[in-house]
PDB file of N, CA and C in Angstrom:
ATOM      1  N   MET A   1     157.291-191.477 -52.006  1.00  0.00           N
ATOM      2  CA  MET A   1     156.312-191.182 -50.977  1.00  0.00           C
ATOM      3  C   MET A   1     155.364-192.371 -50.872  1.00  0.00           C
ATOM      4  N   THR A   2     155.030-192.710 -49.673  1.00  0.00           N
ATOM      5  CA  THR A   2     154.147-193.852 -49.466  1.00  0.00           C
ATOM      6  C   THR A   2     152.705-193.478 -49.760  1.00  0.00           C
ATOM      7  N   LEU A   3     151.880-194.487 -49.835  1.00  0.00           N
ATOM      8  CA  LEU A   3     150.456-194.251 -50.078  1.00  0.00           C
ATOM      9  C   LEU A   3     149.851-193.418 -48.955  1.00  0.00           C
ATOM     10  N   PHE A   4     150.244-193.723 -47.711  1.00  0.00           N
ATOM     11  CA  PHE A   4     149.733-192.952 -46.575  1.00  0.00           C
ATOM     12  C   PHE A   4     150.159-191.493 -46.688  1.00  0.00           C
ATOM     13  N   GLY A   5     151.398-191.253 -47.092  1.00  0.00           N
ATOM     14  CA  GLY A   5     151.891-189.889 -47.244  1.00  0.00           C
ATOM     15  C   GLY A   5     151.137-189.123 -48.314  1.00  0.00           C
ATOM     16  N   LYS A   6     150.852-189.788 -49.412  1.00  0.00           N
ATOM     17  CA  LYS A   6     150.097-189.139 -50.490  1.00  0.00           C
ATOM     18  C   LYS A   6     148.668-188.824 -50.051  1.00  0.00           C
ATOM     19  N   LEU A   7     148.033-189.767 -49.355  1.00  0.00           N
ATOM     20  CA  LEU A   7     146.665-189.540 -48.865  1.00  0.00           C
ATOM     21  C   LEU A   7     146.638-188.392 -47.864  1.00  0.00           C
ATOM     22  N   PHE A   8     147.636-188.346 -46.970  1.00  0.00           N
ATOM     23  CA  PHE A   8     147.709-187.259 -45.996  1.00  0.00           C
ATOM     24  C   PHE A   8     147.875-185.922 -46.719  1.00  0.00           C
ATOM     25  N   HIS A   9     148.733-185.877 -47.712  1.00  0.00           N
ATOM     26  CA  HIS A   9     148.985-184.650 -48.465  1.00  0.00           C
ATOM     27  C   HIS A   9     147.725-184.174 -49.184  1.00  0.00           C
ATOM     28  N   VAL A  10     147.032-185.076 -49.852  1.00  0.00           N
ATOM     29  CA  VAL A  10     145.808-184.717 -50.568  1.00  0.00           C
ATOM     30  C   VAL A  10     144.727-184.271 -49.578  1.00  0.00           C
ATOM     31  N   GLY A  11     144.608-184.976 -48.451  1.00  0.00           N
ATOM     32  CA  GLY A  11     143.621-184.591 -47.437  1.00  0.00           C
ATOM     33  C   GLY A  11     143.912-183.223 -46.846  1.00  0.00           C
ATOM     34  N   PHE A  12     145.184-182.956 -46.562  1.00  0.00           N
ATOM     35  CA  PHE A  12     145.565-181.659 -46.014  1.00  0.00           C
ATOM     36  C   PHE A  12     145.273-180.544 -47.017  1.00  0.00           C
ATOM     37  N   ASP A  13     145.587-180.791 -48.283  1.00  0.00           N
ATOM     38  CA  ASP A  13     145.289-179.804 -49.325  1.00  0.00           C
ATOM     39  C   ASP A  13     143.788-179.554 -49.445  1.00  0.00           C
ATOM     40  N   ALA A  14     142.994-180.613 -49.334  1.00  0.00           N
ATOM     41  CA  ALA A  14     141.533-180.462 -49.415  1.00  0.00           C
ATOM     42  C   ALA A  14     141.012-179.617 -48.259  1.00  0.00           C
ATOM     43  N   ILE A  15     141.578-179.791 -47.064  1.00  0.00           N
ATOM     44  CA  ILE A  15     141.156-178.991 -45.915  1.00  0.00           C
ATOM     45  C   ILE A  15     141.566-177.535 -46.098  1.00  0.00           C
ATOM     46  N   LEU A  16     142.765-177.296 -46.634  1.00  0.00           N
ATOM     47  CA  LEU A  16     143.194-175.916 -46.895  1.00  0.00           C
ATOM     48  C   LEU A  16     142.271-175.225 -47.890  1.00  0.00           C
ATOM     49  N   ILE A  17     141.871-175.944 -48.927  1.00  0.00           N
ATOM     50  CA  ILE A  17     140.980-175.354 -49.942  1.00  0.00           C
ATOM     51  C   ILE A  17     139.630-175.012 -49.339  1.00  0.00           C
ATOM     52  N   THR A  18     139.063-175.920 -48.554  1.00  0.00           N
ATOM     53  CA  THR A  18     137.741-175.648 -47.979  1.00  0.00           C
ATOM     54  C   THR A  18     137.809-174.558 -46.907  1.00  0.00           C
ATOM     55  N   ALA A  19     138.933-174.460 -46.184  1.00  0.00           N
ATOM     56  CA  ALA A  19     139.100-173.368 -45.222  1.00  0.00           C
ATOM     57  C   ALA A  19     139.217-172.027 -45.957  1.00  0.00           C
ATOM     58  N   LEU A  20     139.902-172.028 -47.095  1.00  0.00           N
ATOM     59  CA  LEU A  20     139.973-170.825 -47.916  1.00  0.00           C
ATOM     60  C   LEU A  20     138.578-170.406 -48.381  1.00  0.00           C
ATOM     61  N   LEU A  21     137.777-171.370 -48.830  1.00  0.00           N
ATOM     62  CA  LEU A  21     136.408-171.063 -49.256  1.00  0.00           C
ATOM     63  C   LEU A  21     135.574-170.520 -48.096  1.00  0.00           C
ATOM     64  N   ALA A  22     135.799-171.040 -46.891  1.00  0.00           N
ATOM     65  CA  ALA A  22     135.078-170.531 -45.718  1.00  0.00           C
ATOM     66  C   ALA A  22     135.485-169.087 -45.426  1.00  0.00           C
ATOM     67  N   GLY A  23     136.772-168.783 -45.562  1.00  0.00           N
ATOM     68  CA  GLY A  23     137.237-167.417 -45.354  1.00  0.00           C
ATOM     69  C   GLY A  23     136.661-166.459 -46.376  1.00  0.00           C
ATOM     70  N   ILE A  24     136.577-166.899 -47.621  1.00  0.00           N
ATOM     71  CA  ILE A  24     135.968-166.078 -48.667  1.00  0.00           C
ATOM     72  C   ILE A  24     134.504-165.826 -48.352  1.00  0.00           C
ATOM     73  N   LYS A  25     133.815-166.862 -47.880  1.00  0.00           N
ATOM     74  CA  LYS A  25     132.399-166.709 -47.526  1.00  0.00           C
ATOM     75  C   LYS A  25     132.225-165.708 -46.393  1.00  0.00           C
ATOM     76  N   ARG A  26     133.082-165.786 -45.376  1.00  0.00           N
ATOM     77  CA  ARG A  26     132.963-164.887 -44.226  1.00  0.00           C
ATOM     78  C   ARG A  26     133.263-163.438 -44.594  1.00  0.00           C
ATOM     79  N   ASN A  27     134.236-163.232 -45.472  1.00  0.00           N
ATOM     80  CA  ASN A  27     134.670-161.869 -45.770  1.00  0.00           C
ATOM     81  C   ASN A  27     133.918-161.210 -46.912  1.00  0.00           C
ATOM     82  N   THR A  28     133.379-161.996 -47.840  1.00  0.00           N
ATOM     83  CA  THR A  28     132.725-161.394 -49.002  1.00  0.00           C
ATOM     84  C   THR A  28     131.263-161.805 -49.156  1.00  0.00           C
ATOM     85  N   GLY A  29     130.869-162.903 -48.527  1.00  0.00           N
ATOM     86  CA  GLY A  29     129.512-163.404 -48.697  1.00  0.00           C
ATOM     87  C   GLY A  29     129.360-164.338 -49.887  1.00  0.00           C
ATOM     88  N   LEU A  30     130.420-164.508 -50.678  1.00  0.00           N
ATOM     89  CA  LEU A  30     130.364-165.404 -51.833  1.00  0.00           C
ATOM     90  C   LEU A  30     130.489-166.854 -51.368  1.00  0.00           C
ATOM     91  N   THR A  31     129.647-167.704 -51.913  1.00  0.00           N
ATOM     92  CA  THR A  31     129.688-169.118 -51.549  1.00  0.00           C
ATOM     93  C   THR A  31     129.382-169.970 -52.771  1.00  0.00           C
ATOM     94  N   VAL A  32     129.585-171.257 -52.639  1.00  0.00           N
ATOM     95  CA  VAL A  32     129.336-172.196 -53.727  1.00  0.00           C
ATOM     96  C   VAL A  32     127.828-172.307 -53.953  1.00  0.00           C
ATOM     97  N   ALA A  33     127.403-172.254 -55.205  1.00  0.00           N
ATOM     98  CA  ALA A  33     125.982-172.361 -55.549  1.00  0.00           C
ATOM     99  C   ALA A  33     125.586-173.845 -55.573  1.00  0.00           C
ATOM    100  N   LEU A  34     125.239-174.371 -54.416  1.00  0.00           N
ATOM    101  CA  LEU A  34     124.913-175.799 -54.303  1.00  0.00           C
ATOM    102  C   LEU A  34     123.635-176.178 -55.038  1.00  0.00           C
ATOM    103  N   GLU A  35     122.745-175.221 -55.241  1.00  0.00           N
ATOM    104  CA  GLU A  35     121.483-175.545 -55.922  1.00  0.00           C
ATOM    105  C   GLU A  35     121.708-175.912 -57.387  1.00  0.00           C
ATOM    106  N   GLN A  36     122.887-175.620 -57.910  1.00  0.00           N
ATOM    107  CA  GLN A  36     123.191-175.978 -59.292  1.00  0.00           C
ATOM    108  C   GLN A  36     123.697-177.412 -59.439  1.00  0.00           C
ATOM    109  N   VAL A  37     123.955-178.076 -58.317  1.00  0.00           N
ATOM    110  CA  VAL A  37     124.411-179.468 -58.358  1.00  0.00           C
ATOM    111  C   VAL A  37     123.176-180.355 -58.484  1.00  0.00           C
ATOM    112  N   PRO A  38     123.040-181.103 -59.584  1.00  0.00           N
ATOM    113  CA  PRO A  38     121.815-181.863 -59.811  1.00  0.00           C
ATOM    114  C   PRO A  38     121.655-183.093 -58.920  1.00  0.00           C
ATOM    115  N   ASN A  39     122.745-183.723 -58.552  1.00  0.00           N
ATOM    116  CA  ASN A  39     122.673-184.938 -57.756  1.00  0.00           C
ATOM    117  C   ASN A  39     122.548-184.589 -56.266  1.00  0.00           C
ATOM    118  N   LYS A  40     121.487-185.086 -55.629  1.00  0.00           N
ATOM    119  CA  LYS A  40     121.199-184.773 -54.235  1.00  0.00           C
ATOM    120  C   LYS A  40     122.289-185.276 -53.288  1.00  0.00           C
ATOM    121  N   GLU A  41     122.780-186.493 -53.516  1.00  0.00           N
ATOM    122  CA  GLU A  41     123.806-187.064 -52.646  1.00  0.00           C
ATOM    123  C   GLU A  41     125.129-186.321 -52.783  1.00  0.00           C
ATOM    124  N   PHE A  42     125.481-185.968 -54.020  1.00  0.00           N
ATOM    125  CA  PHE A  42     126.712-185.226 -54.253  1.00  0.00           C
ATOM    126  C   PHE A  42     126.619-183.823 -53.651  1.00  0.00           C
ATOM    127  N   ARG A  43     125.441-183.210 -53.731  1.00  0.00           N
ATOM    128  CA  ARG A  43     125.211-181.894 -53.126  1.00  0.00           C
ATOM    129  C   ARG A  43     125.422-181.957 -51.619  1.00  0.00           C
ATOM    130  N   LYS A  44     124.914-183.021 -50.988  1.00  0.00           N
ATOM    131  CA  LYS A  44     125.082-183.197 -49.541  1.00  0.00           C
ATOM    132  C   LYS A  44     126.555-183.423 -49.196  1.00  0.00           C
ATOM    133  N   LEU A  45     127.267-184.161 -50.043  1.00  0.00           N
ATOM    134  CA  LEU A  45     128.693-184.399 -49.830  1.00  0.00           C
ATOM    135  C   LEU A  45     129.478-183.085 -49.897  1.00  0.00           C
ATOM    136  N   ILE A  46     129.166-182.250 -50.875  1.00  0.00           N
ATOM    137  CA  ILE A  46     129.830-180.950 -50.995  1.00  0.00           C
ATOM    138  C   ILE A  46     129.490-180.069 -49.794  1.00  0.00           C
ATOM    139  N   GLN A  47     128.235-180.114 -49.359  1.00  0.00           N
ATOM    140  CA  GLN A  47     127.822-179.320 -48.198  1.00  0.00           C
ATOM    141  C   GLN A  47     128.606-179.749 -46.949  1.00  0.00           C
ATOM    142  N   ASN A  48     128.768-181.047 -46.748  1.00  0.00           N
ATOM    143  CA  ASN A  48     129.544-181.541 -45.607  1.00  0.00           C
ATOM    144  C   ASN A  48     131.009-181.121 -45.717  1.00  0.00           C
ATOM    145  N   TYR A  49     131.549-181.170 -46.931  1.00  0.00           N
ATOM    146  CA  TYR A  49     132.926-180.752 -47.173  1.00  0.00           C
ATOM    147  C   TYR A  49     133.105-179.276 -46.818  1.00  0.00           C
ATOM    148  N   LEU A  50     132.154-178.447 -47.213  1.00  0.00           N
ATOM    149  CA  LEU A  50     132.233-177.020 -46.902  1.00  0.00           C
ATOM    150  C   LEU A  50     132.066-176.762 -45.407  1.00  0.00           C
ATOM    151  N   GLU A  51     131.288-177.579 -44.720  1.00  0.00           N
ATOM    152  CA  GLU A  51     131.136-177.440 -43.266  1.00  0.00           C
ATOM    153  C   GLU A  51     132.434-177.768 -42.540  1.00  0.00           C
ATOM    154  N   VAL A  52     133.206-178.706 -43.073  1.00  0.00           N
ATOM    155  CA  VAL A  52     134.526-178.994 -42.504  1.00  0.00           C
ATOM    156  C   VAL A  52     135.399-177.745 -42.603  1.00  0.00           C
ATOM    157  N   GLY A  53     135.307-177.044 -43.712  1.00  0.00           N
ATOM    158  CA  GLY A  53     136.059-175.808 -43.877  1.00  0.00           C
ATOM    159  C   GLY A  53     135.638-174.735 -42.899  1.00  0.00           C
ATOM    160  N   GLU A  54     134.340-174.625 -42.642  1.00  0.00           N
ATOM    161  CA  GLU A  54     133.840-173.652 -41.659  1.00  0.00           C
ATOM    162  C   GLU A  54     134.394-173.978 -40.271  1.00  0.00           C
ATOM    163  N   TYR A  55     134.353-175.249 -39.916  1.00  0.00           N
ATOM    164  CA  TYR A  55     134.871-175.672 -38.614  1.00  0.00           C
ATOM    165  C   TYR A  55     136.369-175.394 -38.520  1.00  0.00           C
ATOM    166  N   THR A  56     137.104-175.732 -39.570  1.00  0.00           N
ATOM    167  CA  THR A  56     138.543-175.517 -39.583  1.00  0.00           C
ATOM    168  C   THR A  56     138.872-174.034 -39.485  1.00  0.00           C
ATOM    169  N   PHE A  57     138.152-173.215 -40.232  1.00  0.00           N
ATOM    170  CA  PHE A  57     138.369-171.770 -40.202  1.00  0.00           C
ATOM    171  C   PHE A  57     138.118-171.229 -38.797  1.00  0.00           C
ATOM    172  N   ASP A  58     137.015-171.620 -38.180  1.00  0.00           N
ATOM    173  CA  ASP A  58     136.699-171.173 -36.817  1.00  0.00           C
ATOM    174  C   ASP A  58     137.775-171.604 -35.829  1.00  0.00           C
ATOM    175  N   PHE A  59     138.228-172.859 -35.951  1.00  0.00           N
ATOM    176  CA  PHE A  59     139.250-173.383 -35.048  1.00  0.00           C
ATOM    177  C   PHE A  59     140.545-172.579 -35.170  1.00  0.00           C
ATOM    178  N   VAL A  60     140.965-172.296 -36.393  1.00  0.00           N
ATOM    179  CA  VAL A  60     142.211-171.557 -36.607  1.00  0.00           C
ATOM    180  C   VAL A  60     142.085-170.132 -36.084  1.00  0.00           C
ATOM    181  N   VAL A  61     140.944-169.500 -36.298  1.00  0.00           N
ATOM    182  CA  VAL A  61     140.749-168.131 -35.807  1.00  0.00           C
ATOM    183  C   VAL A  61     140.825-168.094 -34.282  1.00  0.00           C
ATOM    184  N   VAL A  62     140.184-169.041 -33.608  1.00  0.00           N
ATOM    185  CA  VAL A  62     140.235-169.088 -32.141  1.00  0.00           C
ATOM    186  C   VAL A  62     141.654-169.384 -31.674  1.00  0.00           C
ATOM    187  N   PHE A  63     142.311-170.342 -32.304  1.00  0.00           N
ATOM    188  CA  PHE A  63     143.666-170.715 -31.919  1.00  0.00           C
ATOM    189  C   PHE A  63     144.624-169.536 -32.069  1.00  0.00           C
ATOM    190  N   LEU A  64     144.562-168.850 -33.193  1.00  0.00           N
ATOM    191  CA  LEU A  64     145.455-167.712 -33.411  1.00  0.00           C
ATOM    192  C   LEU A  64     145.066-166.515 -32.544  1.00  0.00           C
ATOM    193  N   GLY A  65     143.773-166.386 -32.238  1.00  0.00           N
ATOM    194  CA  GLY A  65     143.316-165.297 -31.382  1.00  0.00           C
ATOM    195  C   GLY A  65     143.835-165.415 -29.965  1.00  0.00           C
ATOM    196  N   ARG A  66     144.103-166.628 -29.528  1.00  0.00           N
ATOM    197  CA  ARG A  66     144.640-166.855 -28.181  1.00  0.00           C
ATOM    198  C   ARG A  66     146.153-166.768 -28.135  1.00  0.00           C
ATOM    199  N   SER A  67     146.788-166.705 -29.282  1.00  0.00           N
ATOM    200  CA  SER A  67     148.240-166.660 -29.346  1.00  0.00           C
ATOM    201  C   SER A  67     148.728-165.235 -29.104  1.00  0.00           C
ATOM    202  N   SER A  68     149.857-165.128 -28.425  1.00  0.00           N
ATOM    203  CA  SER A  68     150.436-163.802 -28.198  1.00  0.00           C
ATOM    204  C   SER A  68     151.170-163.289 -29.442  1.00  0.00           C
ATOM    205  N   SER A  69     151.326-164.129 -30.436  1.00  0.00           N
ATOM    206  CA  SER A  69     152.017-163.730 -31.665  1.00  0.00           C
ATOM    207  C   SER A  69     151.122-162.962 -32.626  1.00  0.00           C
ATOM    208  N   PHE A  70     149.819-162.956 -32.360  1.00  0.00           N
ATOM    209  CA  PHE A  70     148.864-162.278 -33.225  1.00  0.00           C
ATOM    210  C   PHE A  70     148.052-161.278 -32.408  1.00  0.00           C
ATOM    211  N   LYS A  71     147.621-160.204 -33.067  1.00  0.00           N
ATOM    212  CA  LYS A  71     146.748-159.233 -32.412  1.00  0.00           C
ATOM    213  C   LYS A  71     145.660-158.822 -33.385  1.00  0.00           C
ATOM    214  N   ARG A  72     144.527-158.433 -32.849  1.00  0.00           N
ATOM    215  CA  ARG A  72     143.392-158.019 -33.680  1.00  0.00           C
ATOM    216  C   ARG A  72     143.504-156.550 -34.026  1.00  0.00           C
ATOM    217  N   LEU A  73     143.271-156.257 -35.283  1.00  0.00           N
ATOM    218  CA  LEU A  73     143.201-154.870 -35.735  1.00  0.00           C
ATOM    219  C   LEU A  73     141.755-154.587 -36.061  1.00  0.00           C
ATOM    220  N   ARG A  74     141.177-153.625 -35.389  1.00  0.00           N
ATOM    221  CA  ARG A  74     139.756-153.321 -35.623  1.00  0.00           C
ATOM    222  C   ARG A  74     139.602-151.946 -36.148  1.00  0.00           C
TER     223      ARG A  74
END
């Protein structure tokens, strides 16, 4: 596998993990305790990473909601 392929794979996995965390936050209210991270810059980096997951989760929900292959159960 090339370097580009490995980077793409790791990046895709990172997005899947953060989208999973966003789904957990939406369904249970549980989230990462950022106040326990002592470094301010690292805390901001984690916050931005989690925001990518929120955006990804929202995008997937809208995309699947418009698909005829999925239906909402309420």
